Protein backbone atom coordinates (compact mmCIF):
# COMPACT_ATOMS: atom_id res chain seq x y z
CA MET A 1 -16.21 113.07 3.87
CA ALA A 2 -18.57 111.52 1.32
CA ALA A 3 -22.24 112.31 1.71
CA ARG A 4 -24.28 109.71 3.53
CA ARG A 5 -26.64 107.91 1.19
CA ALA A 6 -29.94 106.29 2.07
CA LEU A 7 -29.43 103.30 4.37
CA LYS A 8 -29.44 100.07 2.36
CA ALA A 9 -27.49 97.54 4.44
CA VAL A 10 -26.82 96.72 8.08
CA LEU A 11 -23.85 94.69 9.33
CA VAL A 12 -24.71 93.04 12.64
CA ASP A 13 -21.91 91.83 14.89
CA LEU A 14 -22.78 88.44 16.36
CA ASN A 15 -20.83 87.74 19.54
CA GLY A 16 -21.77 90.16 22.29
CA THR A 17 -24.64 91.60 20.25
CA LEU A 18 -26.91 88.64 19.44
CA HIS A 19 -25.30 86.02 21.67
CA ILE A 20 -22.60 85.37 24.25
CA GLU A 21 -21.36 81.80 23.81
CA ASP A 22 -24.47 79.56 24.05
CA ALA A 23 -26.80 82.22 25.45
CA ALA A 24 -28.80 84.73 23.45
CA VAL A 25 -28.54 88.37 24.47
CA PRO A 26 -31.93 89.25 26.04
CA GLY A 27 -34.27 90.70 23.43
CA ALA A 28 -31.94 89.95 20.52
CA GLN A 29 -34.30 87.59 18.65
CA GLU A 30 -37.14 90.11 18.71
CA ALA A 31 -34.82 92.95 17.69
CA LEU A 32 -33.62 90.91 14.71
CA LYS A 33 -37.20 90.17 13.67
CA ARG A 34 -37.97 93.89 13.70
CA LEU A 35 -34.87 94.59 11.62
CA ARG A 36 -35.92 91.90 9.15
CA GLY A 37 -39.22 93.72 8.80
CA THR A 38 -37.51 96.74 7.27
CA SER A 39 -36.31 97.16 3.70
CA VAL A 40 -32.58 97.02 4.53
CA LEU A 41 -30.29 94.13 3.66
CA VAL A 42 -28.94 92.37 6.76
CA ARG A 43 -25.55 90.68 6.95
CA PHE A 44 -23.86 89.21 10.01
CA VAL A 45 -20.17 89.54 10.82
CA THR A 46 -18.02 88.00 13.50
CA ASN A 47 -14.42 87.72 14.63
CA THR A 48 -14.96 84.27 16.08
CA THR A 49 -12.07 81.90 15.49
CA LYS A 50 -13.24 79.21 17.90
CA GLU A 51 -15.53 77.37 15.49
CA SER A 52 -16.32 76.92 11.82
CA LYS A 53 -19.06 78.90 10.13
CA GLN A 54 -21.25 75.77 10.04
CA ASP A 55 -20.85 75.19 13.79
CA LEU A 56 -21.61 78.86 14.42
CA LEU A 57 -24.74 78.64 12.30
CA GLU A 58 -25.95 75.59 14.23
CA ARG A 59 -25.37 77.45 17.50
CA LEU A 60 -27.41 80.42 16.26
CA LYS A 61 -30.25 78.21 15.07
CA LYS A 62 -30.42 76.52 18.48
CA LEU A 63 -30.85 80.00 19.93
CA GLU A 64 -33.76 80.51 17.50
CA PHE A 65 -32.12 83.11 15.29
CA ASP A 66 -33.40 83.17 11.71
CA ILE A 67 -30.06 83.35 9.91
CA SER A 68 -28.74 81.57 6.82
CA GLU A 69 -25.13 80.60 6.17
CA ASP A 70 -24.72 82.92 3.18
CA GLU A 71 -25.61 85.89 5.39
CA ILE A 72 -22.60 85.34 7.66
CA PHE A 73 -19.11 86.69 6.97
CA THR A 74 -16.41 85.63 9.41
CA SER A 75 -12.83 86.61 10.03
CA LEU A 76 -11.93 82.97 9.30
CA THR A 77 -13.31 83.45 5.79
CA ALA A 78 -11.28 86.64 5.45
CA ALA A 79 -8.14 84.78 6.57
CA ARG A 80 -8.73 81.95 4.11
CA ASN A 81 -9.26 84.46 1.30
CA LEU A 82 -5.90 86.09 2.06
CA VAL A 83 -4.11 82.73 2.30
CA GLU A 84 -5.45 81.80 -1.13
CA GLN A 85 -4.55 85.21 -2.52
CA LYS A 86 -0.97 84.97 -1.24
CA GLN A 87 -0.73 81.27 -2.23
CA VAL A 88 0.98 80.34 1.02
CA ARG A 89 0.96 77.22 3.20
CA PRO A 90 -0.07 78.34 6.68
CA MET A 91 0.79 77.06 10.11
CA LEU A 92 -2.71 77.32 11.55
CA LEU A 93 -2.85 78.50 15.15
CA VAL A 94 -6.62 78.22 15.36
CA ASP A 95 -9.06 76.18 17.40
CA ASP A 96 -9.52 72.67 16.01
CA ARG A 97 -13.23 73.44 15.58
CA ALA A 98 -12.29 76.17 13.09
CA LEU A 99 -10.24 73.88 10.84
CA PRO A 100 -13.17 72.95 8.54
CA ASP A 101 -13.11 76.53 7.24
CA PHE A 102 -9.59 75.87 5.92
CA LYS A 103 -10.45 72.56 4.24
CA GLY A 104 -8.38 72.07 1.10
CA ILE A 105 -5.67 74.52 2.16
CA GLN A 106 -2.18 73.00 2.00
CA THR A 107 -0.54 73.20 5.44
CA SER A 108 2.45 70.85 5.14
CA ASP A 109 5.88 72.52 5.14
CA PRO A 110 4.33 75.85 6.20
CA ASN A 111 5.69 79.17 4.97
CA ALA A 112 3.19 81.45 6.74
CA VAL A 113 1.59 81.75 10.18
CA VAL A 114 -2.15 82.29 10.69
CA ILE A 115 -3.13 83.00 14.27
CA GLY A 116 -6.57 83.24 15.85
CA LEU A 117 -7.99 82.39 19.25
CA ALA A 118 -6.51 79.00 20.08
CA PRO A 119 -5.74 78.64 23.80
CA GLU A 120 -4.65 75.02 23.40
CA HIS A 121 -1.91 76.14 20.96
CA PHE A 122 -0.66 79.10 22.96
CA HIS A 123 2.21 77.36 24.72
CA TYR A 124 5.95 77.73 24.37
CA GLN A 125 6.69 74.90 21.94
CA ILE A 126 4.04 75.87 19.39
CA LEU A 127 4.65 79.60 19.65
CA ASN A 128 8.37 78.98 19.22
CA GLN A 129 7.69 77.09 15.99
CA ALA A 130 5.74 80.10 14.75
CA PHE A 131 8.54 82.40 15.93
CA ARG A 132 11.13 80.50 13.88
CA LEU A 133 8.96 80.54 10.76
CA LEU A 134 8.56 84.29 11.08
CA LEU A 135 12.32 84.76 11.53
CA ASP A 136 12.75 82.90 8.23
CA GLY A 137 10.54 85.47 6.52
CA ALA A 138 7.10 83.86 6.74
CA PRO A 139 4.22 86.38 6.77
CA LEU A 140 2.14 86.69 9.95
CA ILE A 141 -1.62 86.77 9.36
CA ALA A 142 -3.71 87.68 12.40
CA ILE A 143 -7.37 86.77 12.16
CA HIS A 144 -7.93 89.61 14.58
CA LYS A 145 -6.11 91.35 17.44
CA ALA A 146 -8.81 91.64 20.08
CA ARG A 147 -7.27 92.09 23.52
CA TYR A 148 -10.12 90.19 25.16
CA TYR A 149 -13.59 88.79 24.50
CA LYS A 150 -16.75 88.08 26.47
CA ARG A 151 -17.50 84.69 28.02
CA LYS A 152 -20.32 83.75 30.33
CA ASP A 153 -17.87 83.65 33.24
CA GLY A 154 -16.38 87.06 32.39
CA LEU A 155 -13.73 88.54 30.12
CA ALA A 156 -10.97 86.33 28.70
CA LEU A 157 -7.73 86.98 26.85
CA GLY A 158 -8.14 87.29 23.10
CA PRO A 159 -5.52 86.54 20.43
CA GLY A 160 -4.22 90.11 20.36
CA PRO A 161 -1.64 89.73 23.16
CA PHE A 162 -0.20 86.62 21.49
CA VAL A 163 -0.07 88.29 18.06
CA THR A 164 1.69 91.26 19.62
CA ALA A 165 4.19 88.96 21.35
CA LEU A 166 5.14 87.38 18.02
CA GLU A 167 5.36 90.80 16.37
CA TYR A 168 7.66 92.04 19.12
CA ALA A 169 9.86 88.94 19.17
CA THR A 170 10.37 88.92 15.39
CA ASP A 171 10.26 92.67 14.70
CA THR A 172 7.54 92.10 12.13
CA LYS A 173 4.04 93.43 11.54
CA ALA A 174 1.01 91.18 11.24
CA THR A 175 -1.56 91.58 8.50
CA VAL A 176 -4.87 91.74 10.36
CA VAL A 177 -7.93 90.55 8.43
CA GLY A 178 -10.78 90.70 10.96
CA LYS A 179 -12.75 93.47 12.62
CA PRO A 180 -12.24 96.38 12.85
CA GLU A 181 -10.03 96.45 9.73
CA LYS A 182 -11.25 98.39 6.68
CA THR A 183 -10.76 95.41 4.36
CA PHE A 184 -13.02 93.26 6.53
CA PHE A 185 -15.97 95.61 6.02
CA LEU A 186 -15.34 95.87 2.29
CA GLU A 187 -15.26 92.08 1.96
CA ALA A 188 -18.41 91.72 4.04
CA LEU A 189 -20.21 94.14 1.71
CA ARG A 190 -18.84 92.56 -1.45
CA GLY A 191 -21.61 90.94 -3.43
CA THR A 192 -24.36 92.98 -1.78
CA GLY A 193 -24.26 95.67 -4.45
CA TYR A 194 -24.02 98.38 -1.80
CA GLU A 195 -21.30 100.87 -0.93
CA PRO A 196 -19.90 101.57 2.57
CA GLU A 197 -21.74 104.89 2.75
CA GLU A 198 -25.01 102.97 2.37
CA ALA A 199 -24.29 100.70 5.36
CA ILE A 200 -24.06 100.89 9.13
CA MET A 201 -22.66 98.57 11.77
CA ILE A 202 -24.48 97.31 14.86
CA GLY A 203 -22.27 95.92 17.60
CA ASP A 204 -21.81 95.75 21.34
CA GLU A 205 -20.55 98.92 23.02
CA ASN A 206 -16.82 98.26 22.74
CA THR A 207 -17.09 96.83 19.24
CA GLU A 208 -19.41 99.59 18.07
CA GLN A 209 -16.94 102.31 19.01
CA GLN A 210 -14.23 100.66 16.93
CA MET A 211 -16.62 100.00 14.03
CA LYS A 212 -17.81 103.59 13.96
CA LYS A 213 -14.24 104.82 13.60
CA LYS A 214 -13.55 102.40 10.77
CA LEU A 215 -16.80 103.14 8.94
CA ILE A 216 -16.06 106.86 9.15
CA HIS A 217 -12.62 106.13 7.70
CA LEU A 218 -14.21 104.25 4.81
CA LEU A 219 -16.17 107.36 3.90
CA THR A 220 -13.22 109.75 3.91
């Protein structure tokens, strides 16, 4: 394992750490202010697929978090980056509020499937369309594979079970771009000038356990 360098950057998970839906986690604003008072670079990461980065930023500002758009890296951004890299036309199984983050991406006559958290799309007809595309050889891009996520009224199904269903039905393997994948952390750190061994992740308990494993893997 590579030697740990001096801490230079902190990646802070948003949902479940700073906020849960439209409510701030108690004490989160003050904790962020204290973190801002240190010399480390702060970046924010999230697996949210329910809204665009701009909508997310507005939500955070209403909760009185001092965060700028260029400090946030989302799994939607990671998905868009991969779509552009592969030069494919995706069938977007994402919440309508997330569509602005794919503005300019060609989606007619799709030859790929991108799936996030989109309850309104998770019904037989739409999933069957995705199934047929995958049978024809289209790549499956999963924004993330979380089994569940936190809501104010309790836990709710995440996109993971639906991704797994498509994988099983088509005997294919999704490319996952969000947390806790190694590539997600590397992309989040890109442009900061810092290496993984100079960064740590702060997340909620379940997320933090996964992140710790991935960060350790980055250093080996």
